Amino acid sequence: MRPLLIACALALPFAAGAKERAEFLLGQYATAEQCEKLRKVEAGGPRNAGTAPELLDADGFKGWEGACEFTKVFEHEPGKTWMALTICSEGMTMTPTTYVFDKLEGEDSFEVHDARDEDGPGLYKRCDAKKETGK
């Protein structure tokens, strides 16, 4: 029993450090509200906890106060649906979370389902604010 506990203790840091990219996410994505925040910050507005956008890219979700990094990404329905396992951190707190990404047909956007979200999926559209504003 003791060798099993030692093996688990040694393997845990390696498993927690494993990262994977969501190659189906080309560029950065955000909700409409978060994309507007990005436009304002990139136009020279202040960047702080209230104004910084929460963005999604191939590495995961990033915000002012926390982030979720992809550790494993599975393609469920080719070219349409993916599931991602993440490690989310906010301050000293780290939690595992699962997301499902459903690509909307004919658009560069996704419905993002999170089991913790009681309001249903979020709509994330491609948000490359500098490109959109011609900067």
N, C-alpha and C. Protein backbone atom coordinates (compact mmCIF):
# COMPACT_ATOMS: atom_id res chain seq x y z
N MET A 1 0.82 -1.19 0.00
CA MET A 1 0.00 0.00 0.00
C MET A 1 0.87 1.26 0.00
N ARG A 2 1.93 1.24 0.78
CA ARG A 2 2.79 2.42 0.87
C ARG A 2 3.43 2.76 -0.48
N PRO A 3 3.93 1.77 -1.26
CA PRO A 3 4.49 2.13 -2.57
C PRO A 3 3.46 2.79 -3.49
N LEU A 4 2.20 2.38 -3.39
CA LEU A 4 1.15 2.98 -4.20
C LEU A 4 0.94 4.44 -3.82
N LEU A 5 0.93 4.74 -2.53
CA LEU A 5 0.78 6.13 -2.07
C LEU A 5 1.95 6.99 -2.53
N ILE A 6 3.15 6.45 -2.46
CA ILE A 6 4.33 7.19 -2.89
C ILE A 6 4.25 7.47 -4.40
N ALA A 7 3.85 6.46 -5.18
CA ALA A 7 3.74 6.63 -6.63
C ALA A 7 2.70 7.69 -6.97
N CYS A 8 1.57 7.69 -6.27
CA CYS A 8 0.53 8.70 -6.51
C CYS A 8 1.03 10.09 -6.14
N ALA A 9 1.72 10.20 -5.04
CA ALA A 9 2.24 11.50 -4.60
C ALA A 9 3.26 12.04 -5.59
N LEU A 10 4.07 11.17 -6.18
CA LEU A 10 5.06 11.61 -7.16
C LEU A 10 4.42 11.96 -8.50
N ALA A 11 3.35 11.27 -8.88
CA ALA A 11 2.71 11.50 -10.18
C ALA A 11 1.83 12.75 -10.18
N LEU A 12 1.28 13.13 -9.04
CA LEU A 12 0.34 14.25 -8.98
C LEU A 12 0.91 15.55 -9.52
N PRO A 13 2.12 15.97 -9.16
CA PRO A 13 2.62 17.23 -9.72
C PRO A 13 2.75 17.19 -11.24
N PHE A 14 3.10 16.03 -11.79
CA PHE A 14 3.23 15.93 -13.25
C PHE A 14 1.88 16.02 -13.92
N ALA A 15 0.85 15.41 -13.36
CA ALA A 15 -0.49 15.47 -13.94
C ALA A 15 -1.04 16.88 -13.85
N ALA A 16 -0.80 17.56 -12.74
CA ALA A 16 -1.32 18.92 -12.57
C ALA A 16 -0.62 19.89 -13.51
N GLY A 17 0.62 19.60 -13.90
CA GLY A 17 1.37 20.49 -14.76
C GLY A 17 1.11 20.27 -16.24
N ALA A 18 0.41 19.22 -16.59
CA ALA A 18 0.16 18.92 -18.01
C ALA A 18 -0.80 19.96 -18.59
N LYS A 19 -0.43 20.50 -19.74
CA LYS A 19 -1.27 21.49 -20.41
C LYS A 19 -1.49 21.04 -21.84
N GLU A 20 -2.62 21.43 -22.39
CA GLU A 20 -2.93 21.12 -23.77
C GLU A 20 -3.61 22.33 -24.39
N ARG A 21 -3.42 22.53 -25.67
CA ARG A 21 -4.04 23.66 -26.37
C ARG A 21 -5.31 23.21 -27.07
N ALA A 22 -6.28 24.11 -27.12
CA ALA A 22 -7.53 23.88 -27.86
C ALA A 22 -7.31 24.45 -29.26
N GLU A 23 -6.73 23.66 -30.13
CA GLU A 23 -6.33 24.13 -31.46
C GLU A 23 -7.51 24.61 -32.31
N PHE A 24 -8.73 24.25 -31.93
CA PHE A 24 -9.90 24.69 -32.69
C PHE A 24 -10.24 26.16 -32.42
N LEU A 25 -9.67 26.74 -31.37
CA LEU A 25 -9.88 28.16 -31.06
C LEU A 25 -8.80 28.97 -31.77
N LEU A 26 -9.18 29.62 -32.85
CA LEU A 26 -8.24 30.38 -33.68
C LEU A 26 -8.37 31.86 -33.33
N GLY A 27 -7.44 32.38 -32.56
CA GLY A 27 -7.52 33.76 -32.11
C GLY A 27 -8.07 33.82 -30.70
N GLN A 28 -8.65 34.96 -30.36
CA GLN A 28 -9.24 35.11 -29.02
C GLN A 28 -10.74 35.35 -29.15
N TYR A 29 -11.46 34.89 -28.16
CA TYR A 29 -12.91 34.94 -28.14
C TYR A 29 -13.37 35.57 -26.84
N ALA A 30 -14.57 36.16 -26.88
CA ALA A 30 -15.14 36.79 -25.69
C ALA A 30 -16.64 36.93 -25.88
N THR A 31 -17.33 37.14 -24.77
CA THR A 31 -18.74 37.51 -24.86
C THR A 31 -18.79 38.93 -25.41
N ALA A 32 -19.97 39.38 -25.83
CA ALA A 32 -20.10 40.74 -26.38
C ALA A 32 -19.64 41.79 -25.37
N GLU A 33 -20.02 41.61 -24.11
CA GLU A 33 -19.63 42.56 -23.06
C GLU A 33 -18.12 42.59 -22.85
N GLN A 34 -17.50 41.42 -22.83
CA GLN A 34 -16.05 41.35 -22.60
C GLN A 34 -15.28 41.87 -23.81
N CYS A 35 -15.80 41.65 -25.02
CA CYS A 35 -15.14 42.17 -26.22
C CYS A 35 -15.17 43.70 -26.21
N GLU A 36 -16.26 44.27 -25.75
CA GLU A 36 -16.36 45.73 -25.65
C GLU A 36 -15.33 46.26 -24.65
N LYS A 37 -15.15 45.54 -23.53
CA LYS A 37 -14.11 45.93 -22.56
C LYS A 37 -12.73 45.91 -23.21
N LEU A 38 -12.47 44.88 -24.03
CA LEU A 38 -11.18 44.78 -24.70
C LEU A 38 -10.97 45.97 -25.63
N ARG A 39 -11.98 46.34 -26.38
CA ARG A 39 -11.87 47.48 -27.29
C ARG A 39 -11.51 48.76 -26.53
N LYS A 40 -12.16 48.97 -25.38
CA LYS A 40 -11.90 50.17 -24.59
C LYS A 40 -10.48 50.18 -24.03
N VAL A 41 -10.01 49.04 -23.53
CA VAL A 41 -8.66 48.96 -22.99
C VAL A 41 -7.63 49.18 -24.09
N GLU A 42 -7.85 48.55 -25.25
CA GLU A 42 -6.90 48.69 -26.35
C GLU A 42 -6.92 50.09 -26.95
N ALA A 43 -8.01 50.82 -26.73
CA ALA A 43 -8.09 52.21 -27.21
C ALA A 43 -7.41 53.18 -26.24
N GLY A 44 -6.83 52.64 -25.16
CA GLY A 44 -6.11 53.49 -24.22
C GLY A 44 -6.81 53.69 -22.90
N GLY A 45 -7.94 53.04 -22.71
CA GLY A 45 -8.66 53.16 -21.44
C GLY A 45 -7.91 52.49 -20.30
N PRO A 46 -8.33 52.74 -19.07
CA PRO A 46 -7.64 52.16 -17.91
C PRO A 46 -7.82 50.64 -17.86
N ARG A 47 -6.81 49.98 -17.35
CA ARG A 47 -6.87 48.52 -17.18
C ARG A 47 -6.79 48.22 -15.70
N ASN A 48 -7.90 47.73 -15.15
CA ASN A 48 -7.95 47.37 -13.74
C ASN A 48 -8.95 46.23 -13.58
N ALA A 49 -9.23 45.83 -12.36
CA ALA A 49 -10.12 44.69 -12.12
C ALA A 49 -11.50 44.89 -12.71
N GLY A 50 -11.99 46.11 -12.77
CA GLY A 50 -13.33 46.37 -13.31
C GLY A 50 -13.39 46.54 -14.81
N THR A 51 -12.26 46.90 -15.43
CA THR A 51 -12.27 47.17 -16.87
C THR A 51 -11.59 46.09 -17.70
N ALA A 52 -10.77 45.24 -17.09
CA ALA A 52 -10.03 44.22 -17.84
C ALA A 52 -10.99 43.15 -18.35
N PRO A 53 -10.84 42.76 -19.62
CA PRO A 53 -11.72 41.76 -20.19
C PRO A 53 -11.35 40.35 -19.76
N GLU A 54 -12.34 39.46 -19.83
CA GLU A 54 -12.11 38.03 -19.64
C GLU A 54 -12.15 37.42 -21.03
N LEU A 55 -11.03 36.81 -21.44
CA LEU A 55 -10.88 36.32 -22.80
C LEU A 55 -10.64 34.82 -22.83
N LEU A 56 -10.93 34.23 -23.97
CA LEU A 56 -10.75 32.80 -24.22
C LEU A 56 -9.85 32.65 -25.43
N ASP A 57 -8.82 31.81 -25.31
CA ASP A 57 -7.99 31.48 -26.46
C ASP A 57 -7.58 30.02 -26.37
N ALA A 58 -6.66 29.58 -27.21
CA ALA A 58 -6.29 28.17 -27.28
C ALA A 58 -5.66 27.64 -25.99
N ASP A 59 -5.21 28.53 -25.10
CA ASP A 59 -4.63 28.10 -23.83
C ASP A 59 -5.65 28.01 -22.70
N GLY A 60 -6.79 28.73 -22.85
CA GLY A 60 -7.83 28.70 -21.83
C GLY A 60 -8.48 30.06 -21.64
N PHE A 61 -9.09 30.25 -20.49
CA PHE A 61 -9.76 31.50 -20.13
C PHE A 61 -8.79 32.34 -19.30
N LYS A 62 -8.77 33.65 -19.57
CA LYS A 62 -7.88 34.54 -18.82
C LYS A 62 -8.64 35.80 -18.41
N GLY A 63 -8.46 36.18 -17.17
CA GLY A 63 -9.08 37.40 -16.66
C GLY A 63 -8.12 38.08 -15.70
N TRP A 64 -8.56 39.21 -15.18
CA TRP A 64 -7.73 39.99 -14.25
C TRP A 64 -7.45 39.21 -12.97
N GLU A 65 -8.50 38.55 -12.45
CA GLU A 65 -8.38 37.91 -11.14
C GLU A 65 -8.18 36.41 -11.18
N GLY A 66 -8.20 35.79 -12.35
CA GLY A 66 -8.04 34.35 -12.41
C GLY A 66 -7.95 33.84 -13.83
N ALA A 67 -7.75 32.52 -13.94
CA ALA A 67 -7.62 31.90 -15.25
C ALA A 67 -7.99 30.43 -15.15
N CYS A 68 -8.34 29.86 -16.30
CA CYS A 68 -8.57 28.42 -16.42
C CYS A 68 -7.70 27.93 -17.57
N GLU A 69 -6.75 27.03 -17.27
CA GLU A 69 -5.87 26.49 -18.30
C GLU A 69 -6.37 25.12 -18.72
N PHE A 70 -6.34 24.87 -20.03
CA PHE A 70 -6.74 23.56 -20.54
C PHE A 70 -5.69 22.53 -20.16
N THR A 71 -6.16 21.40 -19.63
CA THR A 71 -5.25 20.30 -19.34
C THR A 71 -5.47 19.15 -20.30
N LYS A 72 -6.70 19.02 -20.82
CA LYS A 72 -7.01 17.98 -21.80
C LYS A 72 -8.20 18.44 -22.62
N VAL A 73 -8.10 18.27 -23.95
CA VAL A 73 -9.17 18.67 -24.85
C VAL A 73 -9.55 17.45 -25.70
N PHE A 74 -10.85 17.15 -25.75
CA PHE A 74 -11.36 16.03 -26.52
C PHE A 74 -12.30 16.54 -27.61
N GLU A 75 -12.13 16.08 -28.82
CA GLU A 75 -13.07 16.42 -29.88
C GLU A 75 -14.17 15.37 -29.84
N HIS A 76 -15.38 15.82 -29.53
CA HIS A 76 -16.51 14.90 -29.39
C HIS A 76 -17.18 14.64 -30.74
N GLU A 77 -17.58 15.69 -31.40
CA GLU A 77 -18.17 15.59 -32.74
C GLU A 77 -17.24 16.37 -33.67
N PRO A 78 -16.57 15.69 -34.59
CA PRO A 78 -15.53 16.33 -35.41
C PRO A 78 -15.96 17.67 -36.02
N GLY A 79 -15.15 18.69 -35.73
CA GLY A 79 -15.38 20.02 -36.26
C GLY A 79 -16.57 20.76 -35.66
N LYS A 80 -17.23 20.17 -34.66
CA LYS A 80 -18.45 20.79 -34.11
C LYS A 80 -18.44 20.93 -32.60
N THR A 81 -18.06 19.89 -31.88
CA THR A 81 -18.18 19.89 -30.42
C THR A 81 -16.91 19.35 -29.77
N TRP A 82 -16.45 20.07 -28.73
CA TRP A 82 -15.28 19.66 -27.97
C TRP A 82 -15.59 19.74 -26.48
N MET A 83 -14.89 18.92 -25.70
CA MET A 83 -14.97 19.00 -24.24
C MET A 83 -13.56 19.27 -23.74
N ALA A 84 -13.44 20.15 -22.75
CA ALA A 84 -12.14 20.49 -22.21
C ALA A 84 -12.13 20.37 -20.70
N LEU A 85 -11.10 19.74 -20.19
CA LEU A 85 -10.85 19.69 -18.76
C LEU A 85 -9.89 20.83 -18.44
N THR A 86 -10.17 21.57 -17.39
CA THR A 86 -9.33 22.71 -17.04
C THR A 86 -8.97 22.69 -15.56
N ILE A 87 -7.93 23.43 -15.26
CA ILE A 87 -7.60 23.77 -13.87
C ILE A 87 -7.78 25.27 -13.78
N CYS A 88 -8.69 25.70 -12.92
CA CYS A 88 -8.98 27.12 -12.77
C CYS A 88 -8.36 27.62 -11.46
N SER A 89 -7.78 28.81 -11.55
CA SER A 89 -7.18 29.39 -10.35
C SER A 89 -7.67 30.81 -10.16
N GLU A 90 -7.93 31.13 -8.92
CA GLU A 90 -8.29 32.49 -8.53
C GLU A 90 -7.67 32.71 -7.17
N GLY A 91 -6.67 33.57 -7.12
CA GLY A 91 -5.93 33.75 -5.88
C GLY A 91 -5.22 32.46 -5.53
N MET A 92 -5.43 31.98 -4.34
CA MET A 92 -4.80 30.74 -3.88
C MET A 92 -5.68 29.51 -4.13
N THR A 93 -6.86 29.71 -4.70
CA THR A 93 -7.79 28.61 -4.92
C THR A 93 -7.63 28.02 -6.31
N MET A 94 -7.54 26.69 -6.39
CA MET A 94 -7.47 25.98 -7.66
C MET A 94 -8.58 24.94 -7.68
N THR A 95 -9.32 24.88 -8.81
CA THR A 95 -10.40 23.91 -8.94
C THR A 95 -10.42 23.32 -10.35
N PRO A 96 -10.78 22.05 -10.47
CA PRO A 96 -10.96 21.47 -11.79
C PRO A 96 -12.34 21.85 -12.32
N THR A 97 -12.43 22.08 -13.61
CA THR A 97 -13.70 22.46 -14.24
C THR A 97 -13.76 21.83 -15.62
N THR A 98 -14.97 21.52 -16.06
CA THR A 98 -15.19 20.96 -17.39
C THR A 98 -16.03 21.92 -18.21
N TYR A 99 -15.63 22.13 -19.45
CA TYR A 99 -16.36 22.98 -20.38
C TYR A 99 -16.69 22.19 -21.65
N VAL A 100 -17.81 22.52 -22.28
CA VAL A 100 -18.17 21.97 -23.58
C VAL A 100 -18.31 23.14 -24.54
N PHE A 101 -17.67 23.02 -25.70
CA PHE A 101 -17.68 24.05 -26.74
C PHE A 101 -18.46 23.52 -27.93
N ASP A 102 -19.50 24.24 -28.31
CA ASP A 102 -20.35 23.86 -29.44
C ASP A 102 -20.22 24.95 -30.50
N LYS A 103 -19.56 24.64 -31.62
CA LYS A 103 -19.34 25.63 -32.68
C LYS A 103 -20.66 25.92 -33.38
N LEU A 104 -20.96 27.21 -33.54
CA LEU A 104 -22.18 27.61 -34.24
C LEU A 104 -21.92 27.55 -35.73
N GLU A 105 -22.79 26.91 -36.44
CA GLU A 105 -22.61 26.69 -37.87
C GLU A 105 -22.53 28.00 -38.65
N GLY A 106 -21.53 28.11 -39.51
CA GLY A 106 -21.37 29.28 -40.36
C GLY A 106 -20.85 30.51 -39.65
N GLU A 107 -20.45 30.40 -38.39
CA GLU A 107 -19.96 31.55 -37.63
C GLU A 107 -18.64 31.20 -36.95
N ASP A 108 -17.87 32.21 -36.60
CA ASP A 108 -16.66 32.02 -35.82
C ASP A 108 -16.99 32.28 -34.36
N SER A 109 -17.92 31.46 -33.84
CA SER A 109 -18.36 31.62 -32.46
C SER A 109 -18.76 30.28 -31.88
N PHE A 110 -18.84 30.25 -30.54
CA PHE A 110 -19.12 29.01 -29.82
C PHE A 110 -20.11 29.28 -28.69
N GLU A 111 -20.97 28.30 -28.45
CA GLU A 111 -21.70 28.26 -27.18
C GLU A 111 -20.79 27.52 -26.23
N VAL A 112 -20.53 28.12 -25.07
CA VAL A 112 -19.64 27.51 -24.09
C VAL A 112 -20.47 27.12 -22.89
N HIS A 113 -20.52 25.82 -22.63
CA HIS A 113 -21.30 25.26 -21.54
C HIS A 113 -20.37 24.96 -20.37
N ASP A 114 -20.77 25.39 -19.21
CA ASP A 114 -20.02 25.18 -17.98
C ASP A 114 -21.02 24.63 -16.96
N ALA A 115 -20.73 23.49 -16.38
CA ALA A 115 -21.65 22.86 -15.45
C ALA A 115 -21.99 23.76 -14.26
N ARG A 116 -21.11 24.70 -13.93
CA ARG A 116 -21.34 25.59 -12.78
C ARG A 116 -22.29 26.73 -13.12
N ASP A 117 -22.51 27.00 -14.41
CA ASP A 117 -23.29 28.15 -14.84
C ASP A 117 -24.79 27.82 -14.85
N GLU A 118 -25.52 28.46 -13.99
CA GLU A 118 -26.96 28.21 -13.89
C GLU A 118 -27.77 28.95 -14.94
N ASP A 119 -27.15 29.93 -15.64
CA ASP A 119 -27.86 30.73 -16.64
C ASP A 119 -27.78 30.15 -18.04
N GLY A 120 -27.20 28.98 -18.20
CA GLY A 120 -27.05 28.38 -19.52
C GLY A 120 -25.73 28.75 -20.15
N PRO A 121 -25.54 28.36 -21.42
CA PRO A 121 -24.24 28.58 -22.06
C PRO A 121 -23.98 30.04 -22.36
N GLY A 122 -22.69 30.38 -22.43
CA GLY A 122 -22.29 31.71 -22.85
C GLY A 122 -21.98 31.70 -24.34
N LEU A 123 -22.20 32.81 -25.01
CA LEU A 123 -21.90 32.92 -26.43
C LEU A 123 -20.57 33.66 -26.57
N TYR A 124 -19.57 32.97 -27.08
CA TYR A 124 -18.24 33.54 -27.28
C TYR A 124 -17.99 33.69 -28.78
N LYS A 125 -17.74 34.94 -29.19
CA LYS A 125 -17.43 35.24 -30.60
C LYS A 125 -15.98 35.65 -30.71
N ARG A 126 -15.44 35.48 -31.89
CA ARG A 126 -14.06 35.91 -32.16
C ARG A 126 -13.96 37.39 -31.83
N CYS A 127 -12.97 37.77 -31.06
CA CYS A 127 -12.82 39.16 -30.62
C CYS A 127 -11.37 39.56 -30.71
N ASP A 128 -10.98 39.99 -31.88
CA ASP A 128 -9.66 40.54 -32.08
C ASP A 128 -9.85 42.03 -32.26
N ALA A 129 -10.01 42.72 -31.15
CA ALA A 129 -10.45 44.13 -31.16
C ALA A 129 -9.57 45.02 -32.04
N LYS A 130 -8.27 44.88 -32.00
CA LYS A 130 -7.40 45.75 -32.81
C LYS A 130 -7.71 45.57 -34.29
N LYS A 131 -7.91 44.33 -34.72
CA LYS A 131 -8.22 44.06 -36.11
C LYS A 131 -9.60 44.62 -36.47
N GLU A 132 -10.56 44.48 -35.53
CA GLU A 132 -11.93 44.94 -35.80
C GLU A 132 -12.03 46.45 -35.91
N THR A 133 -11.16 47.17 -35.21
CA THR A 133 -11.23 48.63 -35.22
C THR A 133 -10.25 49.23 -36.24
N GLY A 134 -9.50 48.38 -36.93
CA GLY A 134 -8.58 48.85 -37.96
C GLY A 134 -7.28 49.39 -37.42
N LYS A 135 -6.94 49.10 -36.17
CA LYS A 135 -5.69 49.61 -35.58
C LYS A 135 -4.54 48.73 -35.96
